[in-house]
Amino acid sequence: MQGKWGDFIFLLPFFDLQNREEFGSKPSPGAFGMQHLYKNLLQNYAQKRNFSLPEYSCEFEGPPHASRFKSNVTINGITYESPEFFSTIKETEHAVAKVAWESLSTNEIQEVSL
């Protein structure tokens, strides 16, 4: 496959989620849970409805060696805010995506039942 990376082939490690105990220690709680999927779900939601893609913005506080992050995501003109500060940008973006997804999916359920 040719593209941006030329002729390189990248092999991803195979994870056996059913028998993960065989490979050593279990992953941390939530490592394979839903938390990492919310950004993906939110992006798919926007694409299916022809909205612009979610836009994330981040603010931080604290010194450079111990920064804490909080983020917002805007989708279809509505902005959602992460519930608290997190130690990484990745964590705060996933948290705000979860807030947005849960709000949007709840609103859709209410609209359908009306």
N, C-alpha and C. Protein backbone atom coordinates (compact mmCIF):
# COMPACT_ATOMS: atom_id res chain seq x y z
N MET A 1 0.84 -1.16 0.00
CA MET A 1 0.00 0.00 0.00
C MET A 1 0.89 1.23 0.00
N GLN A 2 0.72 2.10 -0.95
CA GLN A 2 1.50 3.32 -1.03
C GLN A 2 0.68 4.46 -0.49
N GLY A 3 1.33 5.43 0.03
CA GLY A 3 0.62 6.58 0.56
C GLY A 3 1.59 7.52 1.23
N LYS A 4 1.11 8.18 2.20
CA LYS A 4 1.89 9.17 2.92
C LYS A 4 3.19 8.59 3.50
N TRP A 5 3.13 7.33 3.92
CA TRP A 5 4.28 6.73 4.57
C TRP A 5 5.13 5.88 3.62
N GLY A 6 4.87 5.94 2.34
CA GLY A 6 5.69 5.20 1.39
C GLY A 6 5.37 3.72 1.41
N ASP A 7 6.41 2.90 1.35
CA ASP A 7 6.23 1.45 1.27
C ASP A 7 6.29 0.76 2.63
N PHE A 8 6.21 1.51 3.71
CA PHE A 8 6.29 0.91 5.03
C PHE A 8 5.00 0.17 5.35
N ILE A 9 5.15 -0.95 5.97
CA ILE A 9 4.01 -1.72 6.44
C ILE A 9 4.09 -1.73 7.96
N PHE A 10 3.02 -1.33 8.58
CA PHE A 10 2.97 -1.28 10.03
C PHE A 10 2.17 -2.46 10.54
N LEU A 11 2.73 -3.22 11.44
CA LEU A 11 2.05 -4.35 12.02
C LEU A 11 1.61 -3.96 13.43
N LEU A 12 0.35 -4.14 13.70
CA LEU A 12 -0.16 -3.83 15.03
C LEU A 12 -0.16 -5.10 15.87
N PRO A 13 0.13 -4.98 17.15
CA PRO A 13 0.12 -6.16 18.00
C PRO A 13 -1.29 -6.73 18.10
N PHE A 14 -1.38 -8.04 18.21
CA PHE A 14 -2.66 -8.71 18.34
C PHE A 14 -2.97 -8.88 19.82
N PHE A 15 -4.14 -8.43 20.21
CA PHE A 15 -4.56 -8.58 21.60
C PHE A 15 -5.73 -9.55 21.65
N ASP A 16 -5.56 -10.60 22.39
CA ASP A 16 -6.64 -11.56 22.60
C ASP A 16 -7.42 -11.10 23.82
N LEU A 17 -8.53 -10.43 23.59
CA LEU A 17 -9.30 -9.85 24.69
C LEU A 17 -10.00 -10.92 25.52
N GLN A 18 -10.32 -12.05 24.92
CA GLN A 18 -11.01 -13.10 25.66
C GLN A 18 -10.07 -13.79 26.65
N ASN A 19 -8.81 -13.97 26.27
CA ASN A 19 -7.86 -14.72 27.09
C ASN A 19 -6.68 -13.87 27.51
N ARG A 20 -6.94 -12.63 27.87
CA ARG A 20 -5.83 -11.72 28.16
C ARG A 20 -5.00 -12.13 29.37
N GLU A 21 -5.56 -12.97 30.25
CA GLU A 21 -4.78 -13.42 31.40
C GLU A 21 -3.56 -14.23 30.96
N GLU A 22 -3.66 -14.91 29.82
CA GLU A 22 -2.55 -15.72 29.33
C GLU A 22 -1.32 -14.89 29.00
N PHE A 23 -1.50 -13.63 28.71
CA PHE A 23 -0.40 -12.78 28.28
C PHE A 23 0.21 -11.98 29.42
N GLY A 24 -0.09 -12.33 30.64
CA GLY A 24 0.48 -11.59 31.76
C GLY A 24 -0.59 -10.87 32.53
N SER A 25 -0.23 -9.72 33.05
CA SER A 25 -1.17 -9.00 33.91
C SER A 25 -2.35 -8.46 33.12
N LYS A 26 -3.45 -8.34 33.82
CA LYS A 26 -4.65 -7.78 33.20
C LYS A 26 -4.45 -6.29 32.96
N PRO A 27 -5.10 -5.74 31.95
CA PRO A 27 -4.99 -4.31 31.72
C PRO A 27 -5.68 -3.54 32.83
N SER A 28 -5.34 -2.27 32.96
CA SER A 28 -5.96 -1.45 33.98
C SER A 28 -7.46 -1.34 33.72
N PRO A 29 -8.25 -1.09 34.77
CA PRO A 29 -9.70 -1.00 34.59
C PRO A 29 -10.04 0.05 33.54
N GLY A 30 -10.91 -0.31 32.63
CA GLY A 30 -11.33 0.63 31.60
C GLY A 30 -10.42 0.70 30.39
N ALA A 31 -9.30 -0.03 30.41
CA ALA A 31 -8.36 0.06 29.29
C ALA A 31 -9.02 -0.39 27.99
N PHE A 32 -9.89 -1.38 28.07
CA PHE A 32 -10.59 -1.86 26.88
C PHE A 32 -12.07 -1.50 26.93
N GLY A 33 -12.44 -0.61 27.83
CA GLY A 33 -13.84 -0.24 28.01
C GLY A 33 -14.31 0.79 27.01
N MET A 34 -15.45 1.36 27.29
CA MET A 34 -16.09 2.32 26.40
C MET A 34 -15.40 3.68 26.38
N GLN A 35 -14.65 4.00 27.41
CA GLN A 35 -14.11 5.35 27.54
C GLN A 35 -13.39 5.82 26.28
N HIS A 36 -12.60 4.95 25.68
CA HIS A 36 -11.84 5.36 24.50
C HIS A 36 -12.68 5.46 23.24
N LEU A 37 -13.93 5.00 23.29
CA LEU A 37 -14.76 5.00 22.10
C LEU A 37 -15.61 6.25 21.92
N TYR A 38 -15.73 7.08 22.95
CA TYR A 38 -16.65 8.21 22.87
C TYR A 38 -16.27 9.23 21.80
N LYS A 39 -14.99 9.48 21.60
CA LYS A 39 -14.60 10.41 20.53
C LYS A 39 -15.00 9.85 19.17
N ASN A 40 -14.83 8.55 19.00
CA ASN A 40 -15.20 7.89 17.76
C ASN A 40 -16.72 7.94 17.57
N LEU A 41 -17.48 7.64 18.60
CA LEU A 41 -18.94 7.68 18.52
C LEU A 41 -19.43 9.09 18.17
N LEU A 42 -18.81 10.08 18.78
CA LEU A 42 -19.21 11.47 18.54
C LEU A 42 -18.91 11.87 17.09
N GLN A 43 -17.77 11.46 16.59
CA GLN A 43 -17.42 11.77 15.20
C GLN A 43 -18.38 11.08 14.23
N ASN A 44 -18.69 9.82 14.48
CA ASN A 44 -19.65 9.11 13.64
C ASN A 44 -21.02 9.76 13.68
N TYR A 45 -21.44 10.20 14.86
CA TYR A 45 -22.73 10.88 15.03
C TYR A 45 -22.77 12.12 14.13
N ALA A 46 -21.70 12.91 14.16
CA ALA A 46 -21.65 14.14 13.36
C ALA A 46 -21.66 13.81 11.86
N GLN A 47 -20.89 12.83 11.45
CA GLN A 47 -20.82 12.49 10.04
C GLN A 47 -22.15 11.98 9.49
N LYS A 48 -22.85 11.16 10.26
CA LYS A 48 -24.12 10.62 9.81
C LYS A 48 -25.19 11.70 9.65
N ARG A 49 -25.04 12.81 10.38
CA ARG A 49 -26.03 13.88 10.32
C ARG A 49 -25.54 15.08 9.50
N ASN A 50 -24.42 14.89 8.82
CA ASN A 50 -23.81 15.95 8.00
C ASN A 50 -23.51 17.21 8.80
N PHE A 51 -23.13 17.04 10.07
CA PHE A 51 -22.66 18.15 10.89
C PHE A 51 -21.16 18.31 10.63
N SER A 52 -20.62 19.46 10.98
CA SER A 52 -19.17 19.58 10.94
C SER A 52 -18.59 18.68 12.04
N LEU A 53 -17.35 18.27 11.87
CA LEU A 53 -16.73 17.37 12.84
C LEU A 53 -16.59 18.07 14.19
N PRO A 54 -16.59 17.30 15.27
CA PRO A 54 -16.42 17.89 16.60
C PRO A 54 -15.09 18.65 16.69
N GLU A 55 -15.14 19.83 17.31
CA GLU A 55 -13.93 20.64 17.49
C GLU A 55 -13.61 20.69 18.98
N TYR A 56 -12.39 20.26 19.31
CA TYR A 56 -11.95 20.23 20.70
C TYR A 56 -11.06 21.42 21.00
N SER A 57 -11.24 22.00 22.16
CA SER A 57 -10.34 23.05 22.64
C SER A 57 -9.97 22.69 24.07
N CYS A 58 -8.80 23.12 24.48
CA CYS A 58 -8.27 22.70 25.77
C CYS A 58 -7.73 23.90 26.54
N GLU A 59 -7.93 23.88 27.84
CA GLU A 59 -7.31 24.87 28.72
C GLU A 59 -6.52 24.10 29.76
N PHE A 60 -5.54 24.75 30.33
CA PHE A 60 -4.75 24.06 31.34
C PHE A 60 -4.46 24.99 32.49
N GLU A 61 -4.12 24.38 33.61
CA GLU A 61 -3.72 25.13 34.79
C GLU A 61 -2.56 24.40 35.45
N GLY A 62 -1.83 25.13 36.25
CA GLY A 62 -0.73 24.53 36.98
C GLY A 62 0.60 24.70 36.27
N PRO A 63 1.67 24.36 36.97
CA PRO A 63 3.01 24.47 36.39
C PRO A 63 3.24 23.44 35.29
N PRO A 64 4.21 23.68 34.42
CA PRO A 64 4.46 22.76 33.30
C PRO A 64 4.70 21.30 33.72
N HIS A 65 5.32 21.08 34.87
CA HIS A 65 5.61 19.71 35.28
C HIS A 65 4.41 19.02 35.93
N ALA A 66 3.35 19.76 36.20
CA ALA A 66 2.16 19.17 36.83
C ALA A 66 0.89 19.82 36.29
N SER A 67 0.82 19.96 34.99
CA SER A 67 -0.34 20.61 34.37
C SER A 67 -1.58 19.73 34.49
N ARG A 68 -2.71 20.40 34.57
CA ARG A 68 -4.01 19.73 34.56
C ARG A 68 -4.83 20.35 33.44
N PHE A 69 -5.61 19.52 32.78
CA PHE A 69 -6.29 19.95 31.56
C PHE A 69 -7.80 19.79 31.67
N LYS A 70 -8.48 20.71 31.01
CA LYS A 70 -9.94 20.67 30.90
C LYS A 70 -10.26 21.04 29.47
N SER A 71 -11.26 20.42 28.86
CA SER A 71 -11.51 20.73 27.46
C SER A 71 -12.99 20.92 27.18
N ASN A 72 -13.24 21.49 26.01
CA ASN A 72 -14.58 21.70 25.47
C ASN A 72 -14.63 21.03 24.12
N VAL A 73 -15.83 20.61 23.73
CA VAL A 73 -16.04 20.13 22.38
C VAL A 73 -17.29 20.82 21.86
N THR A 74 -17.20 21.27 20.61
CA THR A 74 -18.34 21.90 19.96
C THR A 74 -18.78 21.03 18.80
N ILE A 75 -20.07 20.71 18.79
CA ILE A 75 -20.63 19.92 17.71
C ILE A 75 -21.99 20.52 17.35
N ASN A 76 -22.15 20.81 16.10
CA ASN A 76 -23.38 21.40 15.59
C ASN A 76 -23.75 22.68 16.33
N GLY A 77 -22.74 23.47 16.70
CA GLY A 77 -22.97 24.76 17.35
C GLY A 77 -23.20 24.70 18.84
N ILE A 78 -23.21 23.50 19.42
CA ILE A 78 -23.41 23.35 20.87
C ILE A 78 -22.09 22.95 21.49
N THR A 79 -21.72 23.65 22.57
CA THR A 79 -20.44 23.39 23.24
C THR A 79 -20.69 22.65 24.55
N TYR A 80 -19.89 21.62 24.76
CA TYR A 80 -19.94 20.82 25.99
C TYR A 80 -18.60 20.96 26.69
N GLU A 81 -18.61 20.88 28.02
CA GLU A 81 -17.39 21.06 28.81
C GLU A 81 -17.10 19.82 29.62
N SER A 82 -15.81 19.48 29.73
CA SER A 82 -15.44 18.32 30.55
C SER A 82 -15.79 18.62 32.01
N PRO A 83 -16.15 17.59 32.76
CA PRO A 83 -16.65 17.80 34.11
C PRO A 83 -15.59 18.21 35.14
N GLU A 84 -14.34 17.97 34.84
CA GLU A 84 -13.28 18.26 35.79
C GLU A 84 -11.95 18.38 35.05
N PHE A 85 -10.89 18.67 35.79
CA PHE A 85 -9.55 18.71 35.22
C PHE A 85 -8.95 17.31 35.25
N PHE A 86 -8.14 17.00 34.24
CA PHE A 86 -7.48 15.70 34.13
C PHE A 86 -5.98 15.90 33.95
N SER A 87 -5.23 14.83 34.14
CA SER A 87 -3.77 14.95 34.05
C SER A 87 -3.25 14.91 32.62
N THR A 88 -4.07 14.46 31.66
CA THR A 88 -3.63 14.45 30.27
C THR A 88 -4.73 15.03 29.37
N ILE A 89 -4.30 15.53 28.22
CA ILE A 89 -5.25 16.07 27.24
C ILE A 89 -6.13 14.94 26.71
N LYS A 90 -5.55 13.77 26.51
CA LYS A 90 -6.31 12.63 26.02
C LYS A 90 -7.47 12.29 26.95
N GLU A 91 -7.19 12.25 28.25
CA GLU A 91 -8.25 11.93 29.22
C GLU A 91 -9.37 12.96 29.20
N THR A 92 -8.99 14.24 29.13
CA THR A 92 -10.03 15.27 29.17
C THR A 92 -10.84 15.30 27.89
N GLU A 93 -10.22 15.03 26.75
CA GLU A 93 -10.97 14.98 25.50
C GLU A 93 -11.94 13.80 25.49
N HIS A 94 -11.52 12.67 26.01
CA HIS A 94 -12.43 11.52 26.09
C HIS A 94 -13.57 11.81 27.05
N ALA A 95 -13.27 12.48 28.16
CA ALA A 95 -14.32 12.80 29.14
C ALA A 95 -15.35 13.75 28.55
N VAL A 96 -14.91 14.77 27.84
CA VAL A 96 -15.85 15.72 27.25
C VAL A 96 -16.62 15.08 26.10
N ALA A 97 -16.00 14.19 25.38
CA ALA A 97 -16.71 13.47 24.31
C ALA A 97 -17.81 12.60 24.92
N LYS A 98 -17.54 11.99 26.07
CA LYS A 98 -18.55 11.20 26.76
C LYS A 98 -19.72 12.07 27.19
N VAL A 99 -19.44 13.24 27.74
CA VAL A 99 -20.50 14.17 28.15
C VAL A 99 -21.37 14.54 26.95
N ALA A 100 -20.73 14.90 25.84
CA ALA A 100 -21.46 15.30 24.64
C ALA A 100 -22.27 14.15 24.09
N TRP A 101 -21.66 12.97 23.98
CA TRP A 101 -22.34 11.80 23.43
C TRP A 101 -23.57 11.44 24.27
N GLU A 102 -23.40 11.42 25.59
CA GLU A 102 -24.52 11.07 26.45
C GLU A 102 -25.64 12.10 26.34
N SER A 103 -25.29 13.36 26.23
CA SER A 103 -26.30 14.40 26.08
C SER A 103 -27.03 14.28 24.75
N LEU A 104 -26.27 14.11 23.68
CA LEU A 104 -26.87 14.00 22.35
C LEU A 104 -27.72 12.74 22.21
N SER A 105 -27.24 11.63 22.72
CA SER A 105 -28.00 10.39 22.59
C SER A 105 -29.26 10.44 23.45
N THR A 106 -29.21 11.08 24.61
CA THR A 106 -30.39 11.25 25.44
C THR A 106 -31.41 12.14 24.75
N ASN A 107 -30.94 13.22 24.12
CA ASN A 107 -31.85 14.12 23.40
C ASN A 107 -32.52 13.39 22.25
N GLU A 108 -31.78 12.52 21.56
CA GLU A 108 -32.36 11.79 20.44
C GLU A 108 -33.42 10.82 20.91
N ILE A 109 -33.20 10.18 22.02
CA ILE A 109 -34.19 9.24 22.56
C ILE A 109 -35.46 10.00 22.91
N GLN A 110 -35.30 11.18 23.51
CA GLN A 110 -36.48 11.98 23.87
C GLN A 110 -37.24 12.43 22.64
N GLU A 111 -36.53 12.82 21.57
CA GLU A 111 -37.18 13.27 20.35
C GLU A 111 -37.95 12.14 19.69
N VAL A 112 -37.39 10.94 19.70
CA VAL A 112 -38.04 9.80 19.07
C VAL A 112 -39.31 9.42 19.84
N SER A 113 -39.28 9.51 21.17
CA SER A 113 -40.43 9.10 21.95
C SER A 113 -41.56 10.14 21.95
N LEU A 114 -41.29 11.35 21.48
CA LEU A 114 -42.36 12.38 21.45
C LEU A 114 -43.35 12.16 20.38
